[in-house]
Amino acid sequence: MALRLWVKSAANALKLSSGTGPRAAAPAFSISRFFSAVPDGLKYTQSHEWVKLHEDGVATVGITDHAQDHLGEVVFVELPETGAQVSAGGSFGNVESVKATSDVNSPISGEVVEINSKLSETPGLINTSPYEDGWMIKVKPSSPADADGLLDAAKYTKHCEEEDAH
């Protein structure tokens, strides 16, 4: 009962709809039963990276809220140099937390055109804002079709729930 009240309170604070009533609208993101945010409009990997394809042909890449939650407090981030080539499914850097160090894989192939230099001074941005301020690299895709095989928000949420159930 207390959890249900907390969830309702949290949903109200976040201005989320419970999906009932005449004014219910679909939220711009999903929240799994484990309370990880999964924004719509992004593509996801099973290894917990996300990619957002922009109209200018550049793609932004980072790790998901689910990943940062499992990692714990991020204390160090290693990123590639601008101009480096990344491959879909290949490691481009790593994230060190108080719990572990994890490789970060690129969801798409291409050239790194920008890195988030704020992460060298404030790696915790990955924890506090994984989809906005905590992005990691921007890539000029060599094969934009790489994103076609990635998960949408609903499939990624289901993947996380299944993974956490084991």
C-alpha atoms as a PDB file:
ATOM      1  CA  MET A   1       0.000   0.000   0.000  1.00  0.00           C
ATOM      2  CA  ALA A   2       2.763   2.452   0.917  1.00  0.00           C
ATOM      3  CA  LEU A   3       4.571   1.648  -2.345  1.00  0.00           C
ATOM      4  CA  ARG A   4       1.395   2.258  -4.353  1.00  0.00           C
ATOM      5  CA  LEU A   5       0.951   5.648  -2.657  1.00  0.00           C
ATOM      6  CA  TRP A   6       4.599   6.516  -3.298  1.00  0.00           C
ATOM      7  CA  VAL A   7       4.295   5.565  -6.987  1.00  0.00           C
ATOM      8  CA  LYS A   8       1.116   7.639  -7.339  1.00  0.00           C
ATOM      9  CA  SER A   9       2.816  10.570  -5.589  1.00  0.00           C
ATOM     10  CA  ALA A  10       5.913  10.227  -7.772  1.00  0.00           C
ATOM     11  CA  ALA A  11       3.767  10.010 -10.911  1.00  0.00           C
ATOM     12  CA  ASN A  12       1.887  13.157  -9.900  1.00  0.00           C
ATOM     13  CA  ALA A  13       5.144  14.988  -9.197  1.00  0.00           C
ATOM     14  CA  LEU A  14       6.461  13.963 -12.604  1.00  0.00           C
ATOM     15  CA  LYS A  15       3.131  14.862 -14.221  1.00  0.00           C
ATOM     16  CA  LEU A  16       2.654  11.298 -15.488  1.00  0.00           C
ATOM     17  CA  SER A  17      -0.733   9.917 -16.296  1.00  0.00           C
ATOM     18  CA  SER A  18      -1.907   6.638 -14.837  1.00  0.00           C
ATOM     19  CA  GLY A  19      -3.555   5.913 -18.176  1.00  0.00           C
ATOM     20  CA  THR A  20      -7.107   6.358 -16.902  1.00  0.00           C
ATOM     21  CA  GLY A  21      -9.620   9.126 -17.111  1.00  0.00           C
ATOM     22  CA  PRO A  22     -10.606  11.491 -19.908  1.00  0.00           C
ATOM     23  CA  ARG A  23      -7.336  13.472 -19.875  1.00  0.00           C
ATOM     24  CA  ALA A  24      -4.951  10.506 -19.879  1.00  0.00           C
ATOM     25  CA  ALA A  25      -2.221  10.846 -22.486  1.00  0.00           C
ATOM     26  CA  ALA A  26       0.728   8.661 -23.319  1.00  0.00           C
ATOM     27  CA  PRO A  27       3.859   9.846 -21.532  1.00  0.00           C
ATOM     28  CA  ALA A  28       6.919  10.828 -23.557  1.00  0.00           C
ATOM     29  CA  PHE A  29       8.769   7.980 -21.879  1.00  0.00           C
ATOM     30  CA  SER A  30       8.149   4.679 -20.187  1.00  0.00           C
ATOM     31  CA  ILE A  31       8.975   3.783 -16.626  1.00  0.00           C
ATOM     32  CA  SER A  32       9.569   0.129 -16.017  1.00  0.00           C
ATOM     33  CA  ARG A  33       8.451  -1.494 -12.826  1.00  0.00           C
ATOM     34  CA  PHE A  34      12.047  -0.969 -11.696  1.00  0.00           C
ATOM     35  CA  PHE A  35      11.624   2.820 -12.120  1.00  0.00           C
ATOM     36  CA  SER A  36      14.206   3.364 -14.893  1.00  0.00           C
ATOM     37  CA  ALA A  37      13.301   6.086 -17.375  1.00  0.00           C
ATOM     38  CA  VAL A  38      13.152   4.912 -20.995  1.00  0.00           C
ATOM     39  CA  PRO A  39      12.417   7.876 -23.298  1.00  0.00           C
ATOM     40  CA  ASP A  40      10.542   7.320 -26.542  1.00  0.00           C
ATOM     41  CA  GLY A  41      12.261   8.493 -29.717  1.00  0.00           C
ATOM     42  CA  LEU A  42      15.564   6.801 -28.905  1.00  0.00           C
ATOM     43  CA  LYS A  43      16.920   3.410 -29.939  1.00  0.00           C
ATOM     44  CA  TYR A  44      18.459   1.023 -27.402  1.00  0.00           C
ATOM     45  CA  THR A  45      20.897  -1.879 -27.318  1.00  0.00           C
ATOM     46  CA  GLN A  46      20.582  -4.990 -25.195  1.00  0.00           C
ATOM     47  CA  SER A  47      23.874  -3.924 -23.569  1.00  0.00           C
ATOM     48  CA  HIS A  48      22.145  -0.728 -22.296  1.00  0.00           C
ATOM     49  CA  GLU A  49      23.369   2.026 -24.612  1.00  0.00           C
ATOM     50  CA  TRP A  50      21.042   4.477 -26.340  1.00  0.00           C
ATOM     51  CA  VAL A  51      21.302   6.430 -29.580  1.00  0.00           C
ATOM     52  CA  LYS A  52      19.354   9.421 -30.841  1.00  0.00           C
ATOM     53  CA  LEU A  53      19.470  10.120 -34.560  1.00  0.00           C
ATOM     54  CA  HIS A  54      19.257  13.830 -35.386  1.00  0.00           C
ATOM     55  CA  GLU A  55      17.979  15.438 -38.586  1.00  0.00           C
ATOM     56  CA  ASP A  56      21.462  16.808 -39.343  1.00  0.00           C
ATOM     57  CA  GLY A  57      22.753  13.240 -39.719  1.00  0.00           C
ATOM     58  CA  VAL A  58      24.606  13.136 -36.388  1.00  0.00           C
ATOM     59  CA  ALA A  59      23.754  10.602 -33.685  1.00  0.00           C
ATOM     60  CA  THR A  60      24.137  11.125 -29.930  1.00  0.00           C
ATOM     61  CA  VAL A  61      25.140   8.087 -27.836  1.00  0.00           C
ATOM     62  CA  GLY A  62      25.097   7.387 -24.103  1.00  0.00           C
ATOM     63  CA  ILE A  63      24.242   4.756 -21.521  1.00  0.00           C
ATOM     64  CA  THR A  64      20.720   4.229 -20.269  1.00  0.00           C
ATOM     65  CA  ASP A  65      19.173   5.133 -16.947  1.00  0.00           C
ATOM     66  CA  HIS A  66      18.892   1.405 -16.269  1.00  0.00           C
ATOM     67  CA  ALA A  67      22.653   0.969 -16.826  1.00  0.00           C
ATOM     68  CA  GLN A  68      23.682   3.893 -14.631  1.00  0.00           C
ATOM     69  CA  ASP A  69      21.343   2.681 -11.893  1.00  0.00           C
ATOM     70  CA  HIS A  70      23.013  -0.737 -11.872  1.00  0.00           C
ATOM     71  CA  LEU A  71      26.499   0.786 -12.016  1.00  0.00           C
ATOM     72  CA  GLY A  72      26.000   3.134  -9.086  1.00  0.00           C
ATOM     73  CA  GLU A  73      27.869   6.410  -8.695  1.00  0.00           C
ATOM     74  CA  VAL A  74      29.978   7.055 -11.816  1.00  0.00           C
ATOM     75  CA  VAL A  75      33.423   8.372 -10.862  1.00  0.00           C
ATOM     76  CA  PHE A  76      35.380   8.235 -14.145  1.00  0.00           C
ATOM     77  CA  VAL A  77      34.598   8.101 -17.872  1.00  0.00           C
ATOM     78  CA  GLU A  78      37.039   7.215 -20.654  1.00  0.00           C
ATOM     79  CA  LEU A  79      35.982   8.378 -24.120  1.00  0.00           C
ATOM     80  CA  PRO A  80      37.616   8.156 -27.562  1.00  0.00           C
ATOM     81  CA  GLU A  81      39.233  11.076 -29.342  1.00  0.00           C
ATOM     82  CA  THR A  82      37.278  13.131 -31.849  1.00  0.00           C
ATOM     83  CA  GLY A  83      37.888  11.591 -35.278  1.00  0.00           C
ATOM     84  CA  ALA A  84      38.076   8.020 -33.972  1.00  0.00           C
ATOM     85  CA  GLN A  85      36.092   5.344 -35.780  1.00  0.00           C
ATOM     86  CA  VAL A  86      33.543   3.311 -33.810  1.00  0.00           C
ATOM     87  CA  SER A  87      31.877   0.068 -34.860  1.00  0.00           C
ATOM     88  CA  ALA A  88      28.358  -1.098 -34.071  1.00  0.00           C
ATOM     89  CA  GLY A  89      28.638  -3.428 -31.092  1.00  0.00           C
ATOM     90  CA  GLY A  90      32.281  -2.509 -30.469  1.00  0.00           C
ATOM     91  CA  SER A  91      33.636  -0.831 -27.349  1.00  0.00           C
ATOM     92  CA  PHE A  92      34.440   2.877 -27.582  1.00  0.00           C
ATOM     93  CA  GLY A  93      35.225   3.636 -23.944  1.00  0.00           C
ATOM     94  CA  ASN A  94      34.420   2.705 -20.400  1.00  0.00           C
ATOM     95  CA  VAL A  95      32.619   3.918 -17.329  1.00  0.00           C
ATOM     96  CA  GLU A  96      34.059   3.425 -13.854  1.00  0.00           C
ATOM     97  CA  SER A  97      31.740   3.486 -10.893  1.00  0.00           C
ATOM     98  CA  VAL A  98      32.076   2.760  -7.211  1.00  0.00           C
ATOM     99  CA  LYS A  99      30.911  -0.784  -8.039  1.00  0.00           C
ATOM    100  CA  ALA A 100      32.665  -1.717 -11.308  1.00  0.00           C
ATOM    101  CA  THR A 101      34.282  -0.657 -14.559  1.00  0.00           C
ATOM    102  CA  SER A 102      32.208  -1.387 -17.656  1.00  0.00           C
ATOM    103  CA  ASP A 103      32.892  -1.134 -21.375  1.00  0.00           C
ATOM    104  CA  VAL A 104      30.547   1.078 -23.357  1.00  0.00           C
ATOM    105  CA  ASN A 105      29.629  -0.187 -26.822  1.00  0.00           C
ATOM    106  CA  SER A 106      28.586   1.870 -29.798  1.00  0.00           C
ATOM    107  CA  PRO A 107      25.098   1.173 -31.130  1.00  0.00           C
ATOM    108  CA  ILE A 108      26.183   2.355 -34.595  1.00  0.00           C
ATOM    109  CA  SER A 109      29.286   2.562 -36.788  1.00  0.00           C
ATOM    110  CA  GLY A 110      30.838   5.868 -37.797  1.00  0.00           C
ATOM    111  CA  GLU A 111      33.209   8.684 -36.913  1.00  0.00           C
ATOM    112  CA  VAL A 112      33.223  10.383 -33.520  1.00  0.00           C
ATOM    113  CA  VAL A 113      32.592  14.072 -34.235  1.00  0.00           C
ATOM    114  CA  GLU A 114      32.235  15.278 -30.640  1.00  0.00           C
ATOM    115  CA  ILE A 115      32.752  14.031 -27.104  1.00  0.00           C
ATOM    116  CA  ASN A 116      31.039  15.290 -23.984  1.00  0.00           C
ATOM    117  CA  SER A 117      34.025  16.999 -22.349  1.00  0.00           C
ATOM    118  CA  LYS A 118      31.894  17.855 -19.287  1.00  0.00           C
ATOM    119  CA  LEU A 119      32.149  14.196 -18.242  1.00  0.00           C
ATOM    120  CA  SER A 120      35.873  14.494 -17.489  1.00  0.00           C
ATOM    121  CA  GLU A 121      35.123  17.025 -14.747  1.00  0.00           C
ATOM    122  CA  THR A 122      31.654  15.795 -13.766  1.00  0.00           C
ATOM    123  CA  PRO A 123      31.243  12.093 -14.590  1.00  0.00           C
ATOM    124  CA  GLY A 124      28.184  11.977 -12.304  1.00  0.00           C
ATOM    125  CA  LEU A 125      26.183  13.686 -15.067  1.00  0.00           C
ATOM    126  CA  ILE A 126      25.667  10.144 -16.344  1.00  0.00           C
ATOM    127  CA  ASN A 127      23.821   9.378 -13.092  1.00  0.00           C
ATOM    128  CA  THR A 128      21.800  12.573 -12.854  1.00  0.00           C
ATOM    129  CA  SER A 129      20.982  13.087 -16.537  1.00  0.00           C
ATOM    130  CA  PRO A 130      21.815  10.024 -18.655  1.00  0.00           C
ATOM    131  CA  TYR A 131      19.737  11.172 -21.654  1.00  0.00           C
ATOM    132  CA  GLU A 132      20.537  14.882 -21.623  1.00  0.00           C
ATOM    133  CA  ASP A 133      23.673  16.270 -19.936  1.00  0.00           C
ATOM    134  CA  GLY A 134      25.224  12.803 -19.529  1.00  0.00           C
ATOM    135  CA  TRP A 135      25.477  11.924 -23.242  1.00  0.00           C
ATOM    136  CA  MET A 136      28.891  10.512 -24.153  1.00  0.00           C
ATOM    137  CA  ILE A 137      29.725  10.876 -27.861  1.00  0.00           C
ATOM    138  CA  LYS A 138      28.261  12.213 -31.078  1.00  0.00           C
ATOM    139  CA  VAL A 139      28.833  10.105 -34.178  1.00  0.00           C
ATOM    140  CA  LYS A 140      28.499  10.739 -37.907  1.00  0.00           C
ATOM    141  CA  PRO A 141      27.054   7.345 -38.872  1.00  0.00           C
ATOM    142  CA  SER A 142      28.684   5.465 -41.733  1.00  0.00           C
ATOM    143  CA  SER A 143      25.635   3.197 -41.910  1.00  0.00           C
ATOM    144  CA  PRO A 144      22.479   4.832 -40.485  1.00  0.00           C
ATOM    145  CA  ALA A 145      20.689   1.521 -41.081  1.00  0.00           C
ATOM    146  CA  ASP A 146      22.586   0.174 -38.019  1.00  0.00           C
ATOM    147  CA  ALA A 147      19.835   1.759 -35.917  1.00  0.00           C
ATOM    148  CA  ASP A 148      17.114  -0.285 -37.643  1.00  0.00           C
ATOM    149  CA  GLY A 149      18.078  -3.393 -35.682  1.00  0.00           C
ATOM    150  CA  LEU A 150      17.987  -1.675 -32.288  1.00  0.00           C
ATOM    151  CA  LEU A 151      15.199  -1.788 -29.697  1.00  0.00           C
ATOM    152  CA  ASP A 152      12.480   0.841 -29.309  1.00  0.00           C
ATOM    153  CA  ALA A 153      11.450   2.043 -25.827  1.00  0.00           C
ATOM    154  CA  ALA A 154       8.805  -0.634 -25.276  1.00  0.00           C
ATOM    155  CA  LYS A 155      11.076  -3.504 -26.332  1.00  0.00           C
ATOM    156  CA  TYR A 156      13.966  -2.151 -24.275  1.00  0.00           C
ATOM    157  CA  THR A 157      11.744  -1.821 -21.186  1.00  0.00           C
ATOM    158  CA  LYS A 158      10.631  -5.426 -21.633  1.00  0.00           C
ATOM    159  CA  HIS A 159      14.266  -6.515 -22.069  1.00  0.00           C
ATOM    160  CA  CYS A 160      15.257  -4.808 -18.799  1.00  0.00           C
ATOM    161  CA  GLU A 161      12.367  -6.328 -16.889  1.00  0.00           C
ATOM    162  CA  GLU A 162      13.222  -9.822 -18.187  1.00  0.00           C
ATOM    163  CA  GLU A 163      16.916  -9.328 -17.443  1.00  0.00           C
ATOM    164  CA  ASP A 164      16.266  -8.123 -13.893  1.00  0.00           C
ATOM    165  CA  ALA A 165      13.873 -10.997 -13.230  1.00  0.00           C
ATOM    166  CA  HIS A 166      16.760 -13.465 -13.537  1.00  0.00           C
END
